[in-house]
Protein backbone atom coordinates (compact mmCIF):
# COMPACT_ATOMS: atom_id res chain seq x y z
CA MET A 1 20.68 111.90 93.75
CA ALA A 2 22.97 114.70 94.79
CA SER A 3 25.93 112.33 94.92
CA VAL A 4 25.13 111.03 91.42
CA ALA A 5 24.96 114.57 90.09
CA GLU A 6 28.28 115.40 91.68
CA GLU A 7 29.86 112.30 90.17
CA THR A 8 28.58 113.06 86.66
CA ARG A 9 29.62 116.73 86.82
CA PRO A 10 32.71 117.36 84.65
CA PRO A 11 35.82 118.17 86.65
CA ALA A 12 36.70 121.82 86.94
CA GLU A 13 39.49 122.89 84.65
CA PRO A 14 42.62 123.65 86.68
CA ARG A 15 43.64 127.28 86.77
CA ARG A 16 46.58 127.96 84.56
CA VAL A 17 48.66 130.47 86.44
CA GLY A 18 51.17 130.76 83.64
CA ARG A 19 48.63 132.10 81.18
CA SER A 20 47.43 134.74 83.63
CA ILE A 21 50.98 135.99 84.19
CA ILE A 22 51.96 136.26 80.50
CA PRO A 23 49.92 139.45 79.77
CA ALA A 24 51.63 141.18 82.71
CA LEU A 25 55.16 140.35 81.56
CA PRO A 26 55.65 143.42 79.27
CA ALA A 27 54.54 145.79 82.04
CA ALA A 28 56.74 143.99 84.56
CA ALA A 29 59.72 144.13 82.19
CA GLY A 30 59.19 147.86 81.66
CA LEU A 31 58.96 148.43 85.41
CA VAL A 32 62.20 146.55 86.00
CA ALA A 33 64.06 148.24 83.13
CA PHE A 34 62.93 151.82 83.69
CA PHE A 35 62.40 151.94 87.46
CA LEU A 36 64.13 149.21 89.44
CA VAL A 37 67.40 149.20 87.47
CA PRO A 38 67.90 153.01 87.64
CA LEU A 39 66.96 152.89 91.33
CA LEU A 40 69.60 150.25 91.99
CA VAL A 41 72.18 152.27 90.05
CA PHE A 42 71.36 155.33 92.16
CA ALA A 43 71.60 153.25 95.33
CA VAL A 44 75.08 152.05 94.34
CA TYR A 45 76.22 155.55 93.38
CA SER A 46 75.00 156.94 96.70
CA VAL A 47 77.37 154.77 98.73
CA LEU A 48 80.50 155.36 96.64
CA THR A 49 83.22 157.95 97.21
CA ALA A 50 82.76 161.19 95.30
CA GLN A 51 85.26 162.42 92.74
CA LEU A 52 84.94 165.10 90.07
CA TYR A 53 82.39 163.66 87.62
CA ASP A 54 83.34 160.17 88.77
CA VAL A 55 82.91 157.73 91.64
CA SER A 56 85.11 155.10 93.18
CA ALA A 57 85.43 152.70 96.12
CA PRO A 58 85.40 152.41 99.10
CA PHE A 59 81.73 152.24 99.99
CA THR A 60 80.64 154.91 102.44
CA LEU A 61 77.53 156.67 103.74
CA ASP A 62 79.16 160.10 103.71
CA ALA A 63 76.94 161.23 100.84
CA TYR A 64 73.81 160.69 102.94
CA GLY A 65 75.35 162.57 105.85
CA GLU A 66 76.25 165.48 103.60
CA ALA A 67 72.80 165.54 102.00
CA VAL A 68 71.04 165.57 105.38
CA SER A 69 73.35 168.00 107.16
CA SER A 70 73.46 170.56 104.34
CA ARG A 71 71.67 173.77 105.32
CA VAL A 72 71.02 174.50 101.65
CA ASN A 73 69.30 171.16 101.20
CA ARG A 74 67.10 171.77 104.23
CA THR A 75 66.04 175.17 102.88
CA LEU A 76 65.33 173.76 99.44
CA ALA A 77 63.45 170.83 100.96
CA THR A 78 61.20 173.35 102.71
CA ASN A 79 60.65 175.15 99.42
CA SER A 80 59.83 171.85 97.72
CA ALA A 81 57.32 170.91 100.42
CA VAL A 82 55.60 174.32 100.39
CA ILE A 83 55.39 174.47 96.59
CA GLY A 84 54.27 170.84 96.32
CA LEU A 85 51.57 171.14 98.99
CA ALA A 86 50.26 174.45 97.67
CA THR A 87 50.17 173.23 94.08
CA ALA A 88 48.49 169.94 94.98
CA ALA A 89 45.91 171.56 97.26
CA VAL A 90 44.90 174.23 94.73
CA THR A 91 44.86 171.79 91.82
CA VAL A 92 42.59 169.29 93.59
CA ALA A 93 40.38 172.05 95.04
CA VAL A 94 39.86 173.52 91.56
CA GLY A 95 39.77 170.24 89.66
CA LEU A 96 37.13 168.52 91.81
CA PRO A 97 34.30 171.01 91.11
CA ILE A 98 35.23 171.10 87.42
CA ALA A 99 35.12 167.31 87.22
CA TYR A 100 31.77 167.24 89.05
CA TRP A 101 30.33 169.85 86.70
CA LEU A 102 31.52 167.92 83.66
CA ARG A 103 30.07 164.67 84.97
CA ARG A 104 26.71 165.97 86.26
CA SER A 105 25.81 169.37 84.79
CA ALA A 106 27.78 170.09 81.61
CA GLY A 107 25.25 168.56 79.23
CA ARG A 108 26.13 169.33 75.62
CA LEU A 109 29.21 171.26 76.70
CA ARG A 110 30.84 168.12 78.12
CA ILE A 111 32.51 166.91 74.93
CA PRO A 112 33.81 170.35 73.79
CA VAL A 113 35.19 171.12 77.26
CA LEU A 114 36.85 167.70 77.53
CA PHE A 115 38.34 168.25 74.08
CA LEU A 116 39.77 171.61 75.16
CA ILE A 117 41.20 170.07 78.35
CA ILE A 118 42.88 167.28 76.40
CA ALA A 119 44.11 169.70 73.72
CA SER A 120 45.76 171.87 76.37
CA MET A 121 47.88 168.89 77.40
CA PHE A 122 49.57 168.92 73.99
CA ALA A 123 51.05 172.38 74.56
CA SER A 124 54.79 172.33 75.18
CA TYR A 125 55.92 172.34 78.80
CA LEU A 126 58.46 175.09 78.13
CA VAL A 127 56.00 177.17 76.11
CA ARG A 128 53.63 177.29 79.07
CA ILE A 129 56.46 178.27 81.41
CA TYR A 130 57.58 181.10 79.14
CA ALA A 131 53.95 182.19 78.79
CA TRP A 132 53.72 182.60 82.57
CA ARG A 133 56.96 184.59 82.56
CA THR A 134 55.29 186.95 80.12
CA VAL A 135 52.11 187.17 82.20
CA LEU A 136 53.77 187.60 85.61
CA GLY A 137 56.77 189.73 84.59
CA ALA A 138 57.33 193.37 85.53
CA ASN A 139 56.06 194.40 82.09
CA GLY A 140 53.65 191.51 81.90
CA LEU A 141 49.92 191.38 81.41
CA ILE A 142 48.97 191.55 85.10
CA ASN A 143 51.27 194.40 86.10
CA ASN A 144 50.43 196.47 83.01
CA GLY A 145 46.73 195.92 83.57
CA LEU A 146 46.88 196.92 87.24
CA GLN A 147 48.95 200.01 86.44
CA ARG A 148 46.54 201.15 83.73
CA LEU A 149 43.66 200.74 86.15
CA GLY A 150 45.55 202.88 88.66
CA LEU A 151 45.58 200.15 91.32
CA ILE A 152 49.38 200.07 91.64
CA ASP A 153 52.16 202.55 90.97
CA GLU A 154 55.02 200.07 90.57
CA PRO A 155 55.14 196.49 89.28
CA LEU A 156 54.47 193.77 91.84
CA ASP A 157 57.80 192.01 92.38
CA PHE A 158 56.38 188.91 94.12
CA LEU A 159 54.53 187.76 91.00
CA LEU A 160 57.69 186.49 89.32
CA TYR A 161 60.78 184.67 90.60
CA SER A 162 59.05 183.36 93.70
CA ARG A 163 57.26 180.32 95.10
CA PHE A 164 54.02 181.91 93.94
CA ALA A 165 55.10 181.96 90.30
CA VAL A 166 56.28 178.35 90.41
CA ALA A 167 53.05 177.17 92.05
CA VAL A 168 50.85 179.04 89.56
CA ALA A 169 52.66 177.56 86.57
CA LEU A 170 52.56 174.04 88.03
CA VAL A 171 48.82 174.33 88.77
CA HIS A 172 48.31 175.26 85.12
CA ILE A 173 50.41 172.30 83.99
CA PHE A 174 48.84 169.61 86.19
CA LEU A 175 45.21 170.77 86.36
CA PRO A 176 44.13 169.00 83.14
CA TYR A 177 45.48 165.67 84.42
CA VAL A 178 43.70 166.04 87.76
CA VAL A 179 40.40 166.99 86.12
CA LEU A 180 40.52 163.91 83.89
CA VAL A 181 41.43 161.60 86.79
CA LEU A 182 38.63 162.90 89.01
CA TYR A 183 36.18 162.94 86.10
CA ALA A 184 36.87 159.25 85.47
CA ALA A 185 36.61 158.48 89.20
CA MET A 186 33.16 160.08 89.35
CA GLY A 187 31.82 157.71 86.71
CA PRO A 188 30.48 155.11 89.18
CA LEU A 189 29.02 157.82 91.45
CA GLY A 190 25.33 157.01 91.03
CA ALA A 191 22.82 159.77 90.41
CA GLY A 192 20.34 157.90 92.60
CA LEU A 193 22.58 158.34 95.63
CA LEU A 194 22.79 162.10 95.14
CA GLU A 195 19.05 162.36 94.56
CA ALA A 196 18.39 160.32 97.72
CA ALA A 197 20.58 162.66 99.74
CA GLN A 198 18.74 165.67 98.36
CA ASP A 199 15.37 164.04 99.09
CA LEU A 200 16.51 163.62 102.71
CA GLY A 201 17.09 167.34 102.96
CA ALA A 202 20.77 167.66 102.09
CA GLY A 203 21.62 171.07 100.67
CA SER A 204 24.58 171.80 98.42
CA ARG A 205 27.07 172.14 101.28
CA THR A 206 25.81 169.03 103.08
CA LEU A 207 25.81 167.07 99.82
CA TRP A 208 29.45 167.90 99.23
CA ARG A 209 30.52 167.47 102.86
CA ARG A 210 28.63 164.26 103.69
CA VAL A 211 28.37 162.47 100.33
CA ILE A 212 30.62 163.63 97.48
CA ILE A 213 33.84 164.39 99.36
CA PRO A 214 33.83 161.12 101.40
CA LEU A 215 33.17 159.08 98.25
CA MET A 216 35.87 160.96 96.33
CA ALA A 217 38.42 160.96 99.17
CA ALA A 218 40.55 158.11 97.81
CA PRO A 219 40.69 159.36 94.16
CA ALA A 220 41.30 162.91 95.38
CA ALA A 221 44.13 161.70 97.64
CA SER A 222 45.70 159.88 94.69
CA ALA A 223 45.47 163.01 92.55
CA PHE A 224 46.89 165.09 95.42
CA LEU A 225 49.90 162.78 95.81
CA PHE A 226 50.43 162.70 92.04
CA VAL A 227 50.63 166.49 91.84
CA PHE A 228 52.57 166.87 95.09
CA ILE A 229 55.33 164.43 94.11
CA LEU A 230 55.79 165.87 90.61
CA SER A 231 55.67 169.48 91.82
CA ALA A 232 57.99 169.03 94.78
CA SER A 233 60.58 167.23 92.65
CA ASP A 234 60.34 169.45 89.57
CA TYR A 235 63.50 171.28 88.57
CA VAL A 236 62.60 172.92 85.24
CA THR A 237 59.87 175.33 86.33
CA PRO A 238 61.80 176.63 89.40
CA GLN A 239 64.80 177.44 87.21
CA PHE A 240 62.72 179.71 84.96
CA LEU A 241 60.22 181.15 87.46
CA GLY A 242 61.63 180.51 90.94
CA GLY A 243 64.55 182.91 91.10
CA THR A 244 66.39 182.65 94.43
CA ASN A 245 63.24 182.17 96.54
CA GLY A 246 61.51 179.42 94.60
CA VAL A 247 64.35 176.97 94.01
CA THR A 248 63.49 173.36 94.89
CA LEU A 249 65.51 170.34 95.91
CA GLY A 250 65.22 168.96 92.41
CA VAL A 251 67.30 171.88 91.15
CA GLN A 252 70.01 171.01 93.68
CA VAL A 253 70.05 167.40 92.49
CA GLN A 254 70.49 168.63 88.92
CA VAL A 255 73.30 170.99 89.99
CA ASN A 256 75.12 168.18 91.82
CA PHE A 257 74.88 165.95 88.79
CA ARG A 258 75.70 168.35 85.95
CA THR A 259 77.56 171.31 87.46
CA LEU A 260 79.44 169.95 90.48
CA GLY A 261 79.84 166.37 89.27
CA ASN A 262 79.08 165.10 92.78
CA TYR A 263 77.21 161.94 91.79
CA PRO A 264 77.02 160.29 95.25
CA VAL A 265 75.43 163.32 96.94
CA ALA A 266 73.00 163.77 94.04
CA ALA A 267 72.03 160.09 94.15
CA ALA A 268 71.70 160.12 97.95
CA THR A 269 69.48 163.23 97.80
CA SER A 270 67.30 161.59 95.17
CA ILE A 271 66.86 158.45 97.27
CA LEU A 272 66.04 160.50 100.36
CA MET A 273 63.42 162.39 98.35
CA MET A 274 61.91 159.10 97.20
CA ALA A 275 61.83 157.86 100.79
CA ALA A 276 60.03 161.05 101.84
CA PHE A 277 57.47 160.63 99.06
CA LEU A 278 56.94 157.00 100.08
CA ALA A 279 56.34 158.14 103.67
CA CYS A 280 53.74 160.63 102.40
CA TYR A 281 51.99 157.85 100.50
CA LEU A 282 51.93 155.57 103.55
CA LEU A 283 50.67 158.42 105.72
CA SER A 284 47.82 159.22 103.33
CA SER A 285 46.85 155.55 103.16
CA LEU A 286 46.85 155.37 106.97
CA VAL A 287 44.68 158.47 107.27
CA LEU A 288 42.17 157.09 104.75
CA ARG A 289 42.01 153.82 106.66
CA LEU A 290 41.57 155.53 110.03
CA LEU A 291 38.77 157.67 108.60
CA ARG A 292 37.30 154.56 106.90
CA LEU A 293 37.30 156.31 103.55
CA GLN A 294 39.51 153.91 101.63
CA ASP A 295 36.95 151.08 101.46
CA ILE A 296 33.88 153.16 100.56
CA ARG A 297 32.09 151.75 97.53
CA PHE A 298 30.01 153.71 95.03
CA VAL A 299 26.30 153.02 94.93
CA ASN A 300 24.38 153.12 91.68
């Protein structure tokens, strides 16, 4: 009887691979046009001989040697790493509790707060930078307030034109994005799992340490890398708030392109930065795998 049933069963329709690929073609075309092609152009520029606002043959790796051996580049790379790590760490550390509160405890305030977070993203990038210059300046809100309270006699110089100022502004810029990413990632986090942990005696600290943070490790790592890469490579905010101490490697790339006209060195520096960011991504993936956090599934 089983063989008769198998014989009368209609044949399975063959999978049409072509139809499954068609919806992905626009995204693939955009990726090729706006990422791969510029990357290839930069790769070609980086191995050409530098001239003033021009490049020419022969092909050479001198630009990479100059980019690596430059003491200025090494100093700016350190600034980029410090600013990127500090900004990413603070943003994720602040964004994770906010996202958890919105998902689990906000109640009726959830929609208004989400609206305010999204509305803040429409503010101009430059307007927010100039706002922080006003707040952190010698005659800014913080220094004037501290002087009126009698806590300081002179303005605090480290508030502006420093790594601190750049990191504060970048945290303000990227925090809404991180909150939304982590808020969406907490959607599948089942309330039953948290209640079960509390029933087993888990307090607030244990709940965060043993349940929430392990389950949110992969989304938090993605948000961390997102903020770190954009902060470490930013060149607009350091120009307005960094002064001489908070300049990043992105500023040097911009100077080589626009001011010095040294296209090969600028392209080589950009590719080296991308390679460093790729290494950070691979390292984070390896750490998540070793800690067995990458394959954790949410339980409803």
